[in-house]
């Protein structure tokens, strides 16, 4: 595995942790969504690790749903 794979994993982890710092829920969801996307890429780069891909893919879809729902009601 290349070092770039580990970099993607660490960057995804950092974004996931950082996503809980902002007070605005929209910002939390956007940062978390980007982290989930990176974790899905990380799972693919590791050789299709389905637990990583599926869990983060589902969380990402939930974040997208809530972002669109918030946009509709705004």
N, C-alpha and C. Protein backbone atom coordinates (compact mmCIF):
# COMPACT_ATOMS: atom_id res chain seq x y z
N UNK A 1 0.85 -1.19 0.00
CA UNK A 1 0.00 0.00 0.00
C UNK A 1 0.88 1.24 0.00
N UNK A 2 0.50 2.18 -0.82
CA UNK A 2 1.26 3.41 -0.88
C UNK A 2 0.97 4.31 0.31
N UNK A 3 1.90 5.22 0.53
CA UNK A 3 1.72 6.18 1.62
C UNK A 3 0.49 7.05 1.38
N UNK A 4 0.13 7.27 0.12
CA UNK A 4 -1.04 8.11 -0.18
C UNK A 4 -2.32 7.50 0.39
N UNK A 5 -2.38 6.18 0.48
CA UNK A 5 -3.57 5.53 1.04
C UNK A 5 -3.70 5.89 2.52
N UNK A 6 -2.59 5.83 3.24
CA UNK A 6 -2.61 6.21 4.65
C UNK A 6 -2.94 7.68 4.82
N UNK A 7 -2.44 8.51 3.93
CA UNK A 7 -2.73 9.95 4.00
C UNK A 7 -4.23 10.19 3.83
N UNK A 8 -4.86 9.48 2.89
CA UNK A 8 -6.31 9.61 2.71
C UNK A 8 -7.03 9.20 3.99
N UNK A 9 -6.61 8.11 4.61
CA UNK A 9 -7.23 7.63 5.84
C UNK A 9 -7.07 8.62 6.98
N UNK A 10 -5.87 9.17 7.15
CA UNK A 10 -5.65 10.14 8.22
C UNK A 10 -6.41 11.44 7.97
N UNK A 11 -6.48 11.87 6.72
CA UNK A 11 -7.22 13.09 6.39
C UNK A 11 -8.71 12.88 6.65
N UNK A 12 -9.23 11.72 6.28
CA UNK A 12 -10.64 11.41 6.54
C UNK A 12 -10.92 11.40 8.04
N UNK A 13 -10.02 10.79 8.81
CA UNK A 13 -10.18 10.74 10.25
C UNK A 13 -10.17 12.14 10.85
N UNK A 14 -9.24 12.97 10.39
CA UNK A 14 -9.15 14.34 10.90
C UNK A 14 -10.42 15.13 10.60
N UNK A 15 -10.93 15.01 9.39
CA UNK A 15 -12.17 15.72 9.03
C UNK A 15 -13.35 15.24 9.86
N UNK A 16 -13.40 13.95 10.11
CA UNK A 16 -14.49 13.41 10.91
C UNK A 16 -14.46 14.00 12.32
N UNK A 17 -13.29 14.07 12.92
CA UNK A 17 -13.16 14.64 14.26
C UNK A 17 -13.44 16.14 14.24
N UNK A 18 -12.87 16.84 13.27
CA UNK A 18 -13.05 18.30 13.16
C UNK A 18 -14.52 18.65 12.90
N UNK A 19 -15.25 17.75 12.26
CA UNK A 19 -16.64 18.06 11.90
C UNK A 19 -17.52 18.30 13.12
N UNK A 20 -17.10 17.84 14.28
CA UNK A 20 -17.92 18.03 15.48
C UNK A 20 -17.57 19.29 16.26
N UNK A 21 -16.62 20.07 15.79
CA UNK A 21 -16.22 21.30 16.48
C UNK A 21 -17.16 22.48 16.19
N UNK A 22 -17.55 22.73 14.93
CA UNK A 22 -18.41 23.90 14.67
C UNK A 22 -19.76 23.80 15.39
N UNK A 23 -20.31 24.96 15.68
CA UNK A 23 -21.62 25.01 16.34
C UNK A 23 -22.77 24.97 15.34
N UNK A 24 -22.51 25.40 14.11
CA UNK A 24 -23.57 25.40 13.09
C UNK A 24 -23.72 23.99 12.52
N UNK A 25 -24.93 23.46 12.62
CA UNK A 25 -25.20 22.08 12.20
C UNK A 25 -24.91 21.87 10.72
N UNK A 26 -25.18 22.86 9.89
CA UNK A 26 -24.93 22.72 8.45
C UNK A 26 -23.44 22.50 8.19
N UNK A 27 -22.60 23.26 8.87
CA UNK A 27 -21.14 23.12 8.70
C UNK A 27 -20.69 21.75 9.19
N UNK A 28 -21.24 21.30 10.32
CA UNK A 28 -20.92 19.97 10.85
C UNK A 28 -21.25 18.91 9.80
N UNK A 29 -22.43 19.01 9.20
CA UNK A 29 -22.85 18.01 8.21
C UNK A 29 -21.98 18.04 6.96
N UNK A 30 -21.60 19.22 6.50
CA UNK A 30 -20.78 19.32 5.28
C UNK A 30 -19.40 18.73 5.51
N UNK A 31 -18.76 19.11 6.62
CA UNK A 31 -17.42 18.58 6.91
C UNK A 31 -17.48 17.07 7.11
N UNK A 32 -18.50 16.60 7.82
CA UNK A 32 -18.67 15.18 8.05
C UNK A 32 -18.89 14.43 6.75
N UNK A 33 -19.66 15.02 5.84
CA UNK A 33 -19.92 14.41 4.53
C UNK A 33 -18.61 14.25 3.75
N UNK A 34 -17.78 15.27 3.75
CA UNK A 34 -16.49 15.18 3.05
C UNK A 34 -15.63 14.09 3.68
N UNK A 35 -15.64 14.01 5.01
CA UNK A 35 -14.91 12.95 5.70
C UNK A 35 -15.42 11.57 5.30
N UNK A 36 -16.73 11.42 5.20
CA UNK A 36 -17.32 10.14 4.79
C UNK A 36 -16.91 9.77 3.37
N UNK A 37 -16.91 10.76 2.49
CA UNK A 37 -16.50 10.51 1.10
C UNK A 37 -15.05 10.03 1.07
N UNK A 38 -14.19 10.67 1.86
CA UNK A 38 -12.79 10.25 1.92
C UNK A 38 -12.65 8.85 2.51
N UNK A 39 -13.47 8.53 3.52
CA UNK A 39 -13.42 7.19 4.09
C UNK A 39 -13.88 6.14 3.09
N UNK A 40 -14.86 6.46 2.26
CA UNK A 40 -15.28 5.53 1.21
C UNK A 40 -14.12 5.31 0.24
N UNK A 41 -13.45 6.39 -0.16
CA UNK A 41 -12.28 6.26 -1.04
C UNK A 41 -11.19 5.44 -0.37
N UNK A 42 -10.98 5.66 0.91
CA UNK A 42 -9.98 4.92 1.68
C UNK A 42 -10.32 3.43 1.69
N UNK A 43 -11.58 3.10 1.92
CA UNK A 43 -12.00 1.70 1.91
C UNK A 43 -11.78 1.04 0.56
N UNK A 44 -12.00 1.79 -0.50
CA UNK A 44 -11.75 1.27 -1.85
C UNK A 44 -10.25 1.08 -2.08
N UNK A 45 -9.46 2.08 -1.68
CA UNK A 45 -8.01 1.99 -1.86
C UNK A 45 -7.38 0.86 -1.05
N UNK A 46 -8.00 0.50 0.06
CA UNK A 46 -7.49 -0.61 0.87
C UNK A 46 -7.82 -1.97 0.26
N UNK A 47 -8.61 -1.97 -0.79
CA UNK A 47 -8.97 -3.24 -1.43
C UNK A 47 -10.41 -3.63 -1.16
N UNK A 48 -11.29 -2.68 -1.30
CA UNK A 48 -12.73 -2.90 -1.15
C UNK A 48 -13.07 -3.47 0.23
N UNK A 49 -12.78 -2.70 1.25
CA UNK A 49 -13.13 -3.06 2.63
C UNK A 49 -14.57 -2.60 2.88
N UNK A 50 -15.49 -3.53 2.69
CA UNK A 50 -16.92 -3.19 2.69
C UNK A 50 -17.43 -2.57 3.99
N UNK A 51 -16.97 -2.99 5.17
CA UNK A 51 -17.48 -2.31 6.37
C UNK A 51 -17.18 -0.81 6.38
N UNK A 52 -16.02 -0.42 5.92
CA UNK A 52 -15.65 1.00 5.85
C UNK A 52 -16.50 1.70 4.79
N UNK A 53 -16.61 1.08 3.63
CA UNK A 53 -17.33 1.68 2.50
C UNK A 53 -18.82 1.82 2.81
N UNK A 54 -19.43 0.75 3.29
CA UNK A 54 -20.88 0.77 3.52
C UNK A 54 -21.26 1.72 4.65
N UNK A 55 -20.56 1.62 5.78
CA UNK A 55 -20.93 2.47 6.92
C UNK A 55 -20.78 3.95 6.59
N UNK A 56 -19.69 4.32 5.98
CA UNK A 56 -19.48 5.73 5.66
C UNK A 56 -20.34 6.18 4.49
N UNK A 57 -20.63 5.28 3.56
CA UNK A 57 -21.55 5.61 2.48
C UNK A 57 -22.94 5.91 3.01
N UNK A 58 -23.40 5.10 3.95
CA UNK A 58 -24.72 5.32 4.54
C UNK A 58 -24.77 6.61 5.36
N UNK A 59 -23.73 6.84 6.15
CA UNK A 59 -23.68 8.09 6.92
C UNK A 59 -23.66 9.29 5.99
N UNK A 60 -22.90 9.19 4.90
CA UNK A 60 -22.86 10.27 3.91
C UNK A 60 -24.23 10.53 3.30
N UNK A 61 -24.96 9.47 2.98
CA UNK A 61 -26.31 9.63 2.43
C UNK A 61 -27.24 10.29 3.44
N UNK A 62 -27.10 9.94 4.71
CA UNK A 62 -27.90 10.57 5.76
C UNK A 62 -27.58 12.06 5.85
N UNK A 63 -26.30 12.41 5.74
CA UNK A 63 -25.90 13.82 5.79
C UNK A 63 -26.49 14.58 4.60
N UNK A 64 -26.43 13.98 3.42
CA UNK A 64 -27.00 14.62 2.22
C UNK A 64 -28.50 14.82 2.40
N UNK A 65 -29.19 13.81 2.90
CA UNK A 65 -30.63 13.91 3.14
C UNK A 65 -30.95 15.09 4.06
N UNK A 66 -30.24 15.19 5.17
CA UNK A 66 -30.50 16.27 6.12
C UNK A 66 -30.13 17.64 5.56
N UNK A 67 -29.08 17.70 4.75
CA UNK A 67 -28.71 18.98 4.12
C UNK A 67 -29.80 19.44 3.15
N UNK A 68 -30.34 18.52 2.34
CA UNK A 68 -31.42 18.88 1.42
C UNK A 68 -32.70 19.22 2.17
N UNK A 69 -32.98 18.49 3.24
CA UNK A 69 -34.16 18.77 4.05
C UNK A 69 -34.07 20.16 4.68
N UNK A 70 -32.89 20.51 5.17
CA UNK A 70 -32.70 21.83 5.77
C UNK A 70 -32.83 22.93 4.72
N UNK A 71 -32.36 22.66 3.50
CA UNK A 71 -32.45 23.65 2.42
C UNK A 71 -33.91 23.87 2.02
N UNK A 72 -34.70 22.79 2.02
CA UNK A 72 -36.12 22.90 1.65
C UNK A 72 -36.90 23.74 2.66
N UNK A 73 -36.60 23.57 3.93
CA UNK A 73 -37.35 24.27 4.98
C UNK A 73 -36.84 25.68 5.23
N UNK A 74 -35.69 26.01 4.66
CA UNK A 74 -35.12 27.35 4.88
C UNK A 74 -35.77 28.40 4.01
